[in-house]
């Protein structure tokens, strides 16, 4: 009987201490704020879409990248404490595509497949 009483008391103590701990914890703060940037590109096909979205995934602070091929608009969701719109436009240029009114870097543009060059008709 003593063993059963001891077990019950130990279990009760453990249960009460765990529930008190759970009630005392603070709710998690939401993640840092994000902003959205839309960049007009010179992308023309689905290969361009894949190339740009993959390149932007490696950029610091970028949370999401999505290129709408028909409109040639790259929508970026990013953390402003990690990067800036100018840095993101420069990353697009370094991938070989125009970014708004800024032209692509020549060396990066020359490395693009023929189907991705802006001189070709849209697929």
PDB file of N, CA and C in Angstrom:
ATOM      1  N   UNK A   1       0.814  -1.190   0.000  1.00  0.00           N
ATOM      2  CA  UNK A   1       0.000   0.000   0.000  1.00  0.00           C
ATOM      3  C   UNK A   1       0.868   1.268   0.000  1.00  0.00           C
ATOM      4  N   UNK A   2       1.953   1.241   0.777  1.00  0.00           N
ATOM      5  CA  UNK A   2       2.850   2.379   0.811  1.00  0.00           C
ATOM      6  C   UNK A   2       3.476   2.620  -0.562  1.00  0.00           C
ATOM      7  N   UNK A   3       3.794   1.537  -1.239  1.00  0.00           N
ATOM      8  CA  UNK A   3       4.395   1.656  -2.568  1.00  0.00           C
ATOM      9  C   UNK A   3       3.421   2.315  -3.539  1.00  0.00           C
ATOM     10  N   UNK A   4       2.165   1.924  -3.479  1.00  0.00           N
ATOM     11  CA  UNK A   4       1.147   2.505  -4.345  1.00  0.00           C
ATOM     12  C   UNK A   4       0.938   3.988  -4.033  1.00  0.00           C
ATOM     13  N   UNK A   5       0.925   4.337  -2.765  1.00  0.00           N
ATOM     14  CA  UNK A   5       0.764   5.728  -2.358  1.00  0.00           C
ATOM     15  C   UNK A   5       1.965   6.557  -2.807  1.00  0.00           C
ATOM     16  N   UNK A   6       3.157   6.032  -2.658  1.00  0.00           N
ATOM     17  CA  UNK A   6       4.368   6.743  -3.091  1.00  0.00           C
ATOM     18  C   UNK A   6       4.347   6.959  -4.602  1.00  0.00           C
ATOM     19  N   UNK A   7       3.980   5.936  -5.327  1.00  0.00           N
ATOM     20  CA  UNK A   7       3.906   6.040  -6.792  1.00  0.00           C
ATOM     21  C   UNK A   7       2.888   7.110  -7.191  1.00  0.00           C
ATOM     22  N   UNK A   8       1.718   7.107  -6.564  1.00  0.00           N
ATOM     23  CA  UNK A   8       0.676   8.086  -6.868  1.00  0.00           C
ATOM     24  C   UNK A   8       1.148   9.512  -6.580  1.00  0.00           C
ATOM     25  N   UNK A   9       1.828   9.719  -5.438  1.00  0.00           N
ATOM     26  CA  UNK A   9       2.332  11.049  -5.086  1.00  0.00           C
ATOM     27  C   UNK A   9       3.407  11.509  -6.073  1.00  0.00           C
ATOM     28  N   UNK A  10       4.304  10.624  -6.451  1.00  0.00           N
ATOM     29  CA  UNK A  10       5.361  10.982  -7.404  1.00  0.00           C
ATOM     30  C   UNK A  10       4.756  11.340  -8.760  1.00  0.00           C
ATOM     31  N   UNK A  11       3.795  10.565  -9.221  1.00  0.00           N
ATOM     32  CA  UNK A  11       3.145  10.830 -10.499  1.00  0.00           C
ATOM     33  C   UNK A  11       2.404  12.167 -10.457  1.00  0.00           C
ATOM     34  N   UNK A  12       1.690  12.435  -9.337  1.00  0.00           N
ATOM     35  CA  UNK A  12       0.957  13.703  -9.194  1.00  0.00           C
ATOM     36  C   UNK A  12       1.916  14.886  -9.223  1.00  0.00           C
ATOM     37  N   UNK A  13       3.020  14.769  -8.526  1.00  0.00           N
ATOM     38  CA  UNK A  13       4.001  15.853  -8.502  1.00  0.00           C
ATOM     39  C   UNK A  13       4.555  16.112  -9.901  1.00  0.00           C
ATOM     40  N   UNK A  14       4.896  15.051 -10.600  1.00  0.00           N
ATOM     41  CA  UNK A  14       5.424  15.176 -11.958  1.00  0.00           C
ATOM     42  C   UNK A  14       4.395  15.824 -12.880  1.00  0.00           C
ATOM     43  N   UNK A  15       3.157  15.396 -12.818  1.00  0.00           N
ATOM     44  CA  UNK A  15       2.095  15.932 -13.660  1.00  0.00           C
ATOM     45  C   UNK A  15       1.878  17.423 -13.393  1.00  0.00           C
ATOM     46  N   UNK A  16       1.843  17.817 -12.125  1.00  0.00           N
ATOM     47  CA  UNK A  16       1.631  19.216 -11.773  1.00  0.00           C
ATOM     48  C   UNK A  16       2.803  20.084 -12.220  1.00  0.00           C
ATOM     49  N   UNK A  17       4.025  19.593 -12.097  1.00  0.00           N
ATOM     50  CA  UNK A  17       5.168  20.409 -12.496  1.00  0.00           C
ATOM     51  C   UNK A  17       5.217  20.586 -14.014  1.00  0.00           C
ATOM     52  N   UNK A  18       4.849  19.572 -14.787  1.00  0.00           N
ATOM     53  CA  UNK A  18       4.835  19.682 -16.242  1.00  0.00           C
ATOM     54  C   UNK A  18       3.744  20.640 -16.687  1.00  0.00           C
ATOM     55  N   UNK A  19       2.541  20.556 -16.075  1.00  0.00           N
ATOM     56  CA  UNK A  19       1.472  21.463 -16.490  1.00  0.00           C
ATOM     57  C   UNK A  19       1.778  22.906 -16.109  1.00  0.00           C
ATOM     58  N   UNK A  20       2.437  23.124 -15.004  1.00  0.00           N
ATOM     59  CA  UNK A  20       2.807  24.481 -14.618  1.00  0.00           C
ATOM     60  C   UNK A  20       3.833  25.036 -15.596  1.00  0.00           C
ATOM     61  N   UNK A  21       4.780  24.227 -15.999  1.00  0.00           N
ATOM     62  CA  UNK A  21       5.796  24.659 -16.959  1.00  0.00           C
ATOM     63  C   UNK A  21       5.155  25.016 -18.292  1.00  0.00           C
ATOM     64  N   UNK A  22       4.220  24.223 -18.759  1.00  0.00           N
ATOM     65  CA  UNK A  22       3.580  24.472 -20.052  1.00  0.00           C
ATOM     66  C   UNK A  22       2.769  25.763 -20.019  1.00  0.00           C
ATOM     67  N   UNK A  23       2.139  26.052 -18.905  1.00  0.00           N
ATOM     68  CA  UNK A  23       1.347  27.269 -18.809  1.00  0.00           C
ATOM     69  C   UNK A  23       2.221  28.511 -18.725  1.00  0.00           C
ATOM     70  N   UNK A  24       3.427  28.386 -18.204  1.00  0.00           N
ATOM     71  CA  UNK A  24       4.302  29.530 -18.020  1.00  0.00           C
ATOM     72  C   UNK A  24       5.095  29.898 -19.260  1.00  0.00           C
ATOM     73  N   UNK A  25       5.091  29.050 -20.292  1.00  0.00           N
ATOM     74  CA  UNK A  25       5.892  29.357 -21.475  1.00  0.00           C
ATOM     75  C   UNK A  25       5.244  30.470 -22.284  1.00  0.00           C
ATOM     76  N   UNK A  26       6.099  31.291 -22.903  1.00  0.00           N
ATOM     77  CA  UNK A  26       5.619  32.407 -23.706  1.00  0.00           C
ATOM     78  C   UNK A  26       5.279  31.930 -25.107  1.00  0.00           C
ATOM     79  N   UNK A  27       4.288  32.533 -25.740  1.00  0.00           N
ATOM     80  CA  UNK A  27       4.000  32.161 -27.125  1.00  0.00           C
ATOM     81  C   UNK A  27       5.160  32.583 -28.029  1.00  0.00           C
ATOM     82  N   UNK A  28       5.400  31.802 -29.061  1.00  0.00           N
ATOM     83  CA  UNK A  28       6.487  32.107 -29.977  1.00  0.00           C
ATOM     84  C   UNK A  28       6.167  33.376 -30.760  1.00  0.00           C
ATOM     85  N   UNK A  29       7.185  34.185 -30.914  1.00  0.00           N
ATOM     86  CA  UNK A  29       7.020  35.405 -31.697  1.00  0.00           C
ATOM     87  C   UNK A  29       6.966  35.035 -33.181  1.00  0.00           C
ATOM     88  N   UNK A  30       6.226  35.806 -33.934  1.00  0.00           N
ATOM     89  CA  UNK A  30       6.151  35.571 -35.370  1.00  0.00           C
ATOM     90  C   UNK A  30       7.487  35.902 -36.004  1.00  0.00           C
ATOM     91  N   UNK A  31       7.734  35.311 -37.145  1.00  0.00           N
ATOM     92  CA  UNK A  31       8.992  35.532 -37.853  1.00  0.00           C
ATOM     93  C   UNK A  31       9.148  36.978 -38.268  1.00  0.00           C
ATOM     94  N   UNK A  32      10.331  37.316 -38.738  1.00  0.00           N
ATOM     95  CA  UNK A  32      10.576  38.694 -39.154  1.00  0.00           C
ATOM     96  C   UNK A  32       9.678  39.080 -40.332  1.00  0.00           C
ATOM     97  N   UNK A  33       9.432  40.349 -40.439  1.00  0.00           N
ATOM     98  CA  UNK A  33       8.553  40.850 -41.502  1.00  0.00           C
ATOM     99  C   UNK A  33       9.177  40.624 -42.875  1.00  0.00           C
ATOM    100  N   UNK A  34       8.334  40.394 -43.848  1.00  0.00           N
ATOM    101  CA  UNK A  34       8.811  40.230 -45.219  1.00  0.00           C
ATOM    102  C   UNK A  34       8.187  41.300 -46.098  1.00  0.00           C
ATOM    103  N   UNK A  35       8.850  41.556 -47.210  1.00  0.00           N
ATOM    104  CA  UNK A  35       8.330  42.497 -48.193  1.00  0.00           C
ATOM    105  C   UNK A  35       8.304  41.808 -49.543  1.00  0.00           C
ATOM    106  N   UNK A  36       7.548  42.381 -50.466  1.00  0.00           N
ATOM    107  CA  UNK A  36       7.425  41.821 -51.806  1.00  0.00           C
ATOM    108  C   UNK A  36       7.962  42.818 -52.822  1.00  0.00           C
ATOM    109  N   UNK A  37       8.682  42.296 -53.799  1.00  0.00           N
ATOM    110  CA  UNK A  37       9.247  43.105 -54.870  1.00  0.00           C
ATOM    111  C   UNK A  37       8.886  42.450 -56.197  1.00  0.00           C
ATOM    112  N   UNK A  38       8.423  43.257 -57.142  1.00  0.00           N
ATOM    113  CA  UNK A  38       8.153  42.761 -58.485  1.00  0.00           C
ATOM    114  C   UNK A  38       9.165  43.376 -59.443  1.00  0.00           C
ATOM    115  N   UNK A  39       9.811  42.496 -60.219  1.00  0.00           N
ATOM    116  CA  UNK A  39      10.860  42.919 -61.138  1.00  0.00           C
ATOM    117  C   UNK A  39      10.477  42.487 -62.544  1.00  0.00           C
ATOM    118  N   UNK A  40      10.473  43.428 -63.472  1.00  0.00           N
ATOM    119  CA  UNK A  40      10.229  43.119 -64.881  1.00  0.00           C
ATOM    120  C   UNK A  40      11.526  42.563 -65.456  1.00  0.00           C
ATOM    121  N   UNK A  41      11.460  41.348 -66.026  1.00  0.00           N
ATOM    122  CA  UNK A  41      12.650  40.684 -66.543  1.00  0.00           C
ATOM    123  C   UNK A  41      12.565  40.522 -68.056  1.00  0.00           C
ATOM    124  N   UNK A  42      13.627  39.970 -68.621  1.00  0.00           N
ATOM    125  CA  UNK A  42      13.661  39.664 -70.050  1.00  0.00           C
ATOM    126  C   UNK A  42      13.487  38.164 -70.284  1.00  0.00           C
ATOM    127  N   UNK A  43      12.984  37.441 -69.295  1.00  0.00           N
ATOM    128  CA  UNK A  43      12.789  35.991 -69.396  1.00  0.00           C
ATOM    129  C   UNK A  43      11.740  35.664 -70.454  1.00  0.00           C
ATOM    130  N   UNK A  44      11.961  34.563 -71.197  1.00  0.00           N
ATOM    131  CA  UNK A  44      11.041  34.238 -72.287  1.00  0.00           C
ATOM    132  C   UNK A  44      10.464  32.827 -72.234  1.00  0.00           C
ATOM    133  N   UNK A  45      10.998  31.942 -71.394  1.00  0.00           N
ATOM    134  CA  UNK A  45      10.510  30.553 -71.434  1.00  0.00           C
ATOM    135  C   UNK A  45      10.539  29.912 -70.051  1.00  0.00           C
ATOM    136  N   UNK A  46      10.116  28.649 -70.013  1.00  0.00           N
ATOM    137  CA  UNK A  46      10.107  27.925 -68.745  1.00  0.00           C
ATOM    138  C   UNK A  46      11.512  27.615 -68.233  1.00  0.00           C
ATOM    139  N   UNK A  47      12.469  27.501 -69.136  1.00  0.00           N
ATOM    140  CA  UNK A  47      13.862  27.337 -68.678  1.00  0.00           C
ATOM    141  C   UNK A  47      14.325  28.589 -67.945  1.00  0.00           C
ATOM    142  N   UNK A  48      13.906  29.733 -68.432  1.00  0.00           N
ATOM    143  CA  UNK A  48      14.226  30.997 -67.758  1.00  0.00           C
ATOM    144  C   UNK A  48      13.605  31.009 -66.361  1.00  0.00           C
ATOM    145  N   UNK A  49      12.369  30.565 -66.286  1.00  0.00           N
ATOM    146  CA  UNK A  49      11.653  30.510 -65.005  1.00  0.00           C
ATOM    147  C   UNK A  49      12.429  29.666 -64.003  1.00  0.00           C
ATOM    148  N   UNK A  50      12.822  28.470 -64.437  1.00  0.00           N
ATOM    149  CA  UNK A  50      13.566  27.571 -63.558  1.00  0.00           C
ATOM    150  C   UNK A  50      14.891  28.200 -63.140  1.00  0.00           C
ATOM    151  N   UNK A  51      15.604  28.766 -64.100  1.00  0.00           N
ATOM    152  CA  UNK A  51      16.918  29.359 -63.838  1.00  0.00           C
ATOM    153  C   UNK A  51      16.803  30.527 -62.849  1.00  0.00           C
ATOM    154  N   UNK A  52      15.860  31.419 -63.076  1.00  0.00           N
ATOM    155  CA  UNK A  52      15.719  32.588 -62.194  1.00  0.00           C
ATOM    156  C   UNK A  52      15.260  32.196 -60.786  1.00  0.00           C
ATOM    157  N   UNK A  53      14.257  31.332 -60.704  1.00  0.00           N
ATOM    158  CA  UNK A  53      13.750  30.941 -59.390  1.00  0.00           C
ATOM    159  C   UNK A  53      14.824  30.217 -58.580  1.00  0.00           C
ATOM    160  N   UNK A  54      15.609  29.378 -59.249  1.00  0.00           N
ATOM    161  CA  UNK A  54      16.689  28.669 -58.553  1.00  0.00           C
ATOM    162  C   UNK A  54      17.767  29.648 -58.099  1.00  0.00           C
ATOM    163  N   UNK A  55      18.148  30.575 -58.967  1.00  0.00           N
ATOM    164  CA  UNK A  55      19.174  31.559 -58.599  1.00  0.00           C
ATOM    165  C   UNK A  55      18.718  32.413 -57.414  1.00  0.00           C
ATOM    166  N   UNK A  56      17.457  32.804 -57.413  1.00  0.00           N
ATOM    167  CA  UNK A  56      16.953  33.648 -56.328  1.00  0.00           C
ATOM    168  C   UNK A  56      16.857  32.873 -55.010  1.00  0.00           C
ATOM    169  N   UNK A  57      16.672  31.562 -55.092  1.00  0.00           N
ATOM    170  CA  UNK A  57      16.611  30.750 -53.878  1.00  0.00           C
ATOM    171  C   UNK A  57      17.942  30.785 -53.120  1.00  0.00           C
ATOM    172  N   UNK A  58      19.039  31.025 -53.825  1.00  0.00           N
ATOM    173  CA  UNK A  58      20.349  31.094 -53.192  1.00  0.00           C
ATOM    174  C   UNK A  58      20.708  32.491 -52.692  1.00  0.00           C
ATOM    175  N   UNK A  59      19.875  33.459 -52.976  1.00  0.00           N
ATOM    176  CA  UNK A  59      20.140  34.824 -52.517  1.00  0.00           C
ATOM    177  C   UNK A  59      19.750  34.981 -51.050  1.00  0.00           C
ATOM    178  N   UNK A  60      20.612  35.609 -50.297  1.00  0.00           N
ATOM    179  CA  UNK A  60      20.369  35.824 -48.875  1.00  0.00           C
ATOM    180  C   UNK A  60      19.106  36.657 -48.674  1.00  0.00           C
ATOM    181  N   UNK A  61      18.229  36.183 -47.803  1.00  0.00           N
ATOM    182  CA  UNK A  61      17.020  36.921 -47.449  1.00  0.00           C
ATOM    183  C   UNK A  61      15.807  36.608 -48.300  1.00  0.00           C
ATOM    184  N   UNK A  62      15.973  35.924 -49.426  1.00  0.00           N
ATOM    185  CA  UNK A  62      14.833  35.623 -50.292  1.00  0.00           C
ATOM    186  C   UNK A  62      14.052  34.445 -49.703  1.00  0.00           C
ATOM    187  N   UNK A  63      12.776  34.666 -49.487  1.00  0.00           N
ATOM    188  CA  UNK A  63      11.902  33.633 -48.942  1.00  0.00           C
ATOM    189  C   UNK A  63      11.210  32.848 -50.059  1.00  0.00           C
ATOM    190  N   UNK A  64      10.851  33.554 -51.122  1.00  0.00           N
ATOM    191  CA  UNK A  64      10.117  32.920 -52.223  1.00  0.00           C
ATOM    192  C   UNK A  64      10.351  33.713 -53.501  1.00  0.00           C
ATOM    193  N   UNK A  65      10.410  32.978 -54.620  1.00  0.00           N
ATOM    194  CA  UNK A  65      10.567  33.612 -55.935  1.00  0.00           C
ATOM    195  C   UNK A  65       9.629  32.920 -56.905  1.00  0.00           C
ATOM    196  N   UNK A  66       8.906  33.711 -57.687  1.00  0.00           N
ATOM    197  CA  UNK A  66       7.980  33.149 -58.666  1.00  0.00           C
ATOM    198  C   UNK A  66       7.980  34.037 -59.904  1.00  0.00           C
ATOM    199  N   UNK A  67       8.294  33.424 -61.060  1.00  0.00           N
ATOM    200  CA  UNK A  67       8.291  34.148 -62.323  1.00  0.00           C
ATOM    201  C   UNK A  67       7.038  33.792 -63.094  1.00  0.00           C
ATOM    202  N   UNK A  68       6.275  34.816 -63.474  1.00  0.00           N
ATOM    203  CA  UNK A  68       5.137  34.639 -64.363  1.00  0.00           C
ATOM    204  C   UNK A  68       5.670  34.859 -65.782  1.00  0.00           C
ATOM    205  N   UNK A  69       5.811  33.780 -66.546  1.00  0.00           N
ATOM    206  CA  UNK A  69       6.458  33.850 -67.858  1.00  0.00           C
ATOM    207  C   UNK A  69       5.711  34.761 -68.834  1.00  0.00           C
ATOM    208  N   UNK A  70       4.379  34.658 -68.968  1.00  0.00           N
ATOM    209  CA  UNK A  70       3.707  35.530 -69.945  1.00  0.00           C
ATOM    210  C   UNK A  70       3.916  37.031 -69.693  1.00  0.00           C
ATOM    211  N   UNK A  71       3.895  37.448 -68.434  1.00  0.00           N
ATOM    212  CA  UNK A  71       4.074  38.870 -68.133  1.00  0.00           C
ATOM    213  C   UNK A  71       5.538  39.236 -67.883  1.00  0.00           C
ATOM    214  N   UNK A  72       6.402  38.225 -67.722  1.00  0.00           N
ATOM    215  CA  UNK A  72       7.835  38.400 -67.449  1.00  0.00           C
ATOM    216  C   UNK A  72       8.095  39.093 -66.115  1.00  0.00           C
ATOM    217  N   UNK A  73       7.164  38.958 -65.174  1.00  0.00           N
ATOM    218  CA  UNK A  73       7.291  39.583 -63.863  1.00  0.00           C
ATOM    219  C   UNK A  73       7.784  38.544 -62.856  1.00  0.00           C
ATOM    220  N   UNK A  74       8.905  38.861 -62.218  1.00  0.00           N
ATOM    221  CA  UNK A  74       9.457  38.034 -61.148  1.00  0.00           C
ATOM    222  C   UNK A  74       9.007  38.641 -59.822  1.00  0.00           C
ATOM    223  N   UNK A  75       8.266  37.869 -59.045  1.00  0.00           N
ATOM    224  CA  UNK A  75       7.791  38.326 -57.742  1.00  0.00           C
ATOM    225  C   UNK A  75       8.649  37.685 -56.669  1.00  0.00           C
ATOM    226  N   UNK A  76       9.271  38.524 -55.860  1.00  0.00           N
ATOM    227  CA  UNK A  76      10.166  38.063 -54.801  1.00  0.00           C
ATOM    228  C   UNK A  76       9.612  38.451 -53.444  1.00  0.00           C
ATOM    229  N   UNK A  77       9.586  37.508 -52.535  1.00  0.00           N
ATOM    230  CA  UNK A  77       9.261  37.771 -51.137  1.00  0.00           C
ATOM    231  C   UNK A  77      10.577  37.654 -50.388  1.00  0.00           C
ATOM    232  N   UNK A  78      10.948  38.707 -49.682  1.00  0.00           N
ATOM    233  CA  UNK A  78      12.264  38.735 -49.056  1.00  0.00           C
ATOM    234  C   UNK A  78      12.208  39.421 -47.696  1.00  0.00           C
ATOM    235  N   UNK A  79      13.275  39.224 -46.931  1.00  0.00           N
ATOM    236  CA  UNK A  79      13.417  39.868 -45.630  1.00  0.00           C
ATOM    237  C   UNK A  79      14.254  41.130 -45.793  1.00  0.00           C
ATOM    238  N   UNK A  80      13.678  42.306 -45.526  1.00  0.00           N
ATOM    239  CA  UNK A  80      14.410  43.566 -45.721  1.00  0.00           C
ATOM    240  C   UNK A  80      15.595  43.741 -44.767  1.00  0.00           C
ATOM    241  N   UNK A  81      15.645  42.958 -43.700  1.00  0.00           N
ATOM    242  CA  UNK A  81      16.803  43.055 -42.807  1.00  0.00           C
ATOM    243  C   UNK A  81      17.991  42.254 -43.348  1.00  0.00           C
ATOM    244  N   UNK A  82      17.780  41.478 -44.412  1.00  0.00           N
ATOM    245  CA  UNK A  82      18.839  40.658 -44.996  1.00  0.00           C
ATOM    246  C   UNK A  82      19.301  41.131 -46.373  1.00  0.00           C
ATOM    247  N   UNK A  83      18.437  41.809 -47.117  1.00  0.00           N
ATOM    248  CA  UNK A  83      18.787  42.242 -48.472  1.00  0.00           C
ATOM    249  C   UNK A  83      17.979  43.474 -48.861  1.00  0.00           C
ATOM    250  N   UNK A  84      18.294  44.017 -50.035  1.00  0.00           N
ATOM    251  CA  UNK A  84      17.610  45.224 -50.520  1.00  0.00           C
ATOM    252  C   UNK A  84      17.082  44.984 -51.932  1.00  0.00           C
ATOM    253  N   UNK A  85      16.125  45.786 -52.378  1.00  0.00           N
ATOM    254  CA  UNK A  85      15.640  45.654 -53.754  1.00  0.00           C
ATOM    255  C   UNK A  85      16.755  45.808 -54.789  1.00  0.00           C
ATOM    256  N   UNK A  86      17.690  46.723 -54.566  1.00  0.00           N
ATOM    257  CA  UNK A  86      18.796  46.902 -55.510  1.00  0.00           C
ATOM    258  C   UNK A  86      19.675  45.655 -55.588  1.00  0.00           C
ATOM    259  N   UNK A  87      19.920  45.020 -54.452  1.00  0.00           N
ATOM    260  CA  UNK A  87      20.729  43.793 -54.440  1.00  0.00           C
ATOM    261  C   UNK A  87      20.005  42.667 -55.181  1.00  0.00           C
ATOM    262  N   UNK A  88      18.693  42.617 -55.040  1.00  0.00           N
ATOM    263  CA  UNK A  88      17.921  41.576 -55.737  1.00  0.00           C
ATOM    264  C   UNK A  88      17.915  41.828 -57.243  1.00  0.00           C
ATOM    265  N   UNK A  89      17.785  43.080 -57.651  1.00  0.00           N
ATOM    266  CA  UNK A  89      17.853  43.400 -59.082  1.00  0.00           C
ATOM    267  C   UNK A  89      19.236  43.048 -59.643  1.00  0.00           C
ATOM    268  N   UNK A  90      20.277  43.326 -58.871  1.00  0.00           N
ATOM    269  CA  UNK A  90      21.638  42.984 -59.301  1.00  0.00           C
ATOM    270  C   UNK A  90      21.792  41.469 -59.444  1.00  0.00           C
ATOM    271  N   UNK A  91      21.158  40.703 -58.568  1.00  0.00           N
ATOM    272  CA  UNK A  91      21.222  39.240 -58.664  1.00  0.00           C
ATOM    273  C   UNK A  91      20.533  38.750 -59.935  1.00  0.00           C
ATOM    274  N   UNK A  92      19.429  39.386 -60.314  1.00  0.00           N
ATOM    275  CA  UNK A  92      18.746  39.035 -61.562  1.00  0.00           C
ATOM    276  C   UNK A  92      19.670  39.334 -62.738  1.00  0.00           C
ATOM    277  N   UNK A  93      20.326  40.474 -62.709  1.00  0.00           N
ATOM    278  CA  UNK A  93      21.258  40.843 -63.777  1.00  0.00           C
ATOM    279  C   UNK A  93      22.423  39.853 -63.862  1.00  0.00           C
ATOM    280  N   UNK A  94      22.925  39.410 -62.733  1.00  0.00           N
ATOM    281  CA  UNK A  94      24.039  38.470 -62.698  1.00  0.00           C
ATOM    282  C   UNK A  94      23.631  37.080 -63.182  1.00  0.00           C
ATOM    283  N   UNK A  95      22.332  36.827 -63.216  1.00  0.00           N
ATOM    284  CA  UNK A  95      21.830  35.562 -63.747  1.00  0.00           C
ATOM    285  C   UNK A  95      21.719  35.621 -65.268  1.00  0.00           C
ATOM    286  N   UNK A  96      21.749  36.815 -65.836  1.00  0.00           N
ATOM    287  CA  UNK A  96      21.728  36.973 -67.283  1.00  0.00           C
ATOM    288  C   UNK A  96      20.468  37.603 -67.839  1.00  0.00           C
ATOM    289  N   UNK A  97      19.642  38.157 -66.968  1.00  0.00           N
ATOM    290  CA  UNK A  97      18.363  38.742 -67.392  1.00  0.00           C
ATOM    291  C   UNK A  97      18.306  40.219 -67.022  1.00  0.00           C
ATOM    292  N   UNK A  98      17.528  40.972 -67.793  1.00  0.00           N
ATOM    293  CA  UNK A  98      17.285  42.374 -67.464  1.00  0.00           C
ATOM    294  C   UNK A  98      16.472  42.433 -66.177  1.00  0.00           C
ATOM    295  N   UNK A  99      16.669  43.493 -65.419  1.00  0.00           N
ATOM    296  CA  UNK A  99      15.913  43.714 -64.192  1.00  0.00           C
ATOM    297  C   UNK A  99      15.378  45.139 -64.232  1.00  0.00           C
ATOM    298  N   UNK A 100      14.083  45.261 -64.505  1.00  0.00           N
ATOM    299  CA  UNK A 100      13.431  46.551 -64.702  1.00  0.00           C
ATOM    300  C   UNK A 100      14.159  47.304 -65.821  1.00  0.00           C
ATOM    301  N   UNK A 101      14.713  48.469 -65.536  1.00  0.00           N
ATOM    302  CA  UNK A 101      15.366  49.256 -66.591  1.00  0.00           C
ATOM    303  C   UNK A 101      16.872  48.984 -66.700  1.00  0.00           C
ATOM    304  N   UNK A 102      17.371  48.027 -65.925  1.00  0.00           N
ATOM    305  CA  UNK A 102      18.799  47.701 -65.936  1.00  0.00           C
ATOM    306  C   UNK A 102      19.037  46.459 -66.791  1.00  0.00           C
ATOM    307  N   UNK A 103      20.008  46.530 -67.686  1.00  0.00           N
ATOM    308  CA  UNK A 103      20.273  45.409 -68.589  1.00  0.00           C
ATOM    309  C   UNK A 103      21.096  44.332 -67.895  1.00  0.00           C
ATOM    310  N   UNK A 104      20.977  43.135 -68.434  1.00  0.00           N
ATOM    311  CA  UNK A 104      21.692  41.981 -67.890  1.00  0.00           C
ATOM    312  C   UNK A 104      23.194  42.150 -68.052  1.00  0.00           C
ATOM    313  N   UNK A 105      23.944  41.497 -67.179  1.00  0.00           N
ATOM    314  CA  UNK A 105      25.396  41.496 -67.332  1.00  0.00           C
ATOM    315  C   UNK A 105      25.740  40.719 -68.596  1.00  0.00           C
ATOM    316  N   UNK A 106      26.633  41.263 -69.401  1.00  0.00           N
ATOM    317  CA  UNK A 106      26.949  40.690 -70.713  1.00  0.00           C
ATOM    318  C   UNK A 106      27.478  39.258 -70.615  1.00  0.00           C
ATOM    319  N   UNK A 107      28.392  39.005 -69.698  1.00  0.00           N
ATOM    320  CA  UNK A 107      28.961  37.652 -69.584  1.00  0.00           C
ATOM    321  C   UNK A 107      27.904  36.633 -69.182  1.00  0.00           C
ATOM    322  N   UNK A 108      27.031  37.003 -68.253  1.00  0.00           N
ATOM    323  CA  UNK A 108      25.974  36.094 -67.814  1.00  0.00           C
ATOM    324  C   UNK A 108      24.965  35.869 -68.942  1.00  0.00           C
ATOM    325  N   UNK A 109      24.644  36.927 -69.671  1.00  0.00           N
ATOM    326  CA  UNK A 109      23.714  36.816 -70.797  1.00  0.00           C
ATOM    327  C   UNK A 109      24.283  35.891 -71.879  1.00  0.00           C
ATOM    328  N   UNK A 110      25.565  36.007 -72.172  1.00  0.00           N
ATOM    329  CA  UNK A 110      26.202  35.168 -73.186  1.00  0.00           C
ATOM    330  C   UNK A 110      26.184  33.687 -72.813  1.00  0.00           C
ATOM    331  N   UNK A 111      26.151  33.389 -71.522  1.00  0.00           N
ATOM    332  CA  UNK A 111      26.128  31.993 -71.064  1.00  0.00           C
ATOM    333  C   UNK A 111      24.735  31.378 -71.104  1.00  0.00           C
ATOM    334  N   UNK A 112      23.696  32.170 -71.320  1.00  0.00           N
ATOM    335  CA  UNK A 112      22.331  31.630 -71.376  1.00  0.00           C
ATOM    336  C   UNK A 112      22.171  30.727 -72.600  1.00  0.00           C
ATOM    337  N   UNK A 113      21.306  29.703 -72.499  1.00  0.00           N
ATOM    338  CA  UNK A 113      20.994  28.904 -73.687  1.00  0.00           C
ATOM    339  C   UNK A 113      20.335  29.789 -74.742  1.00  0.00           C
ATOM    340  N   UNK A 114      20.439  29.402 -75.997  1.00  0.00           N
ATOM    341  CA  UNK A 114      19.887  30.211 -77.093  1.00  0.00           C
ATOM    342  C   UNK A 114      18.396  30.500 -76.917  1.00  0.00           C
ATOM    343  N   UNK A 115      17.665  29.525 -76.396  1.00  0.00           N
ATOM    344  CA  UNK A 115      16.213  29.734 -76.256  1.00  0.00           C
ATOM    345  C   UNK A 115      15.874  30.787 -75.204  1.00  0.00           C
ATOM    346  N   UNK A 116      16.800  31.098 -74.327  1.00  0.00           N
ATOM    347  CA  UNK A 116      16.545  32.065 -73.250  1.00  0.00           C
ATOM    348  C   UNK A 116      16.981  33.490 -73.592  1.00  0.00           C
ATOM    349  N   UNK A 117      17.560  33.670 -74.739  1.00  0.00           N
ATOM    350  CA  UNK A 117      18.022  35.016 -75.110  1.00  0.00           C
ATOM    351  C   UNK A 117      16.861  35.845 -75.623  1.00  0.00           C
ATOM    352  N   UNK A 118      16.868  37.113 -75.300  1.00  0.00           N
ATOM    353  CA  UNK A 118      15.735  37.981 -75.615  1.00  0.00           C
ATOM    354  C   UNK A 118      15.568  38.245 -77.115  1.00  0.00           C
ATOM    355  N   UNK A 119      16.554  37.880 -77.918  1.00  0.00           N
ATOM    356  CA  UNK A 119      16.431  38.044 -79.372  1.00  0.00           C
ATOM    357  C   UNK A 119      15.535  36.965 -79.981  1.00  0.00           C
ATOM    358  N   UNK A 120      15.297  35.883 -79.235  1.00  0.00           N
ATOM    359  CA  UNK A 120      14.434  34.808 -79.734  1.00  0.00           C
ATOM    360  C   UNK A 120      12.976  35.113 -79.457  1.00  0.00           C
ATOM    361  N   UNK A 121      12.119  34.579 -80.301  1.00  0.00           N
ATOM    362  CA  UNK A 121      10.677  34.763 -80.101  1.00  0.00           C
ATOM    363  C   UNK A 121      10.226  33.996 -78.871  1.00  0.00           C
ATOM    364  N   UNK A 122       9.199  34.490 -78.224  1.00  0.00           N
ATOM    365  CA  UNK A 122       8.661  33.815 -77.064  1.00  0.00           C
ATOM    366  C   UNK A 122       8.092  32.462 -77.475  1.00  0.00           C
ATOM    367  N   UNK A 123       8.354  31.443 -76.654  1.00  0.00           N
ATOM    368  CA  UNK A 123       7.917  30.072 -76.961  1.00  0.00           C
ATOM    369  C   UNK A 123       6.436  29.926 -76.724  1.00  0.00           C
TER     370      UNK A 123
END
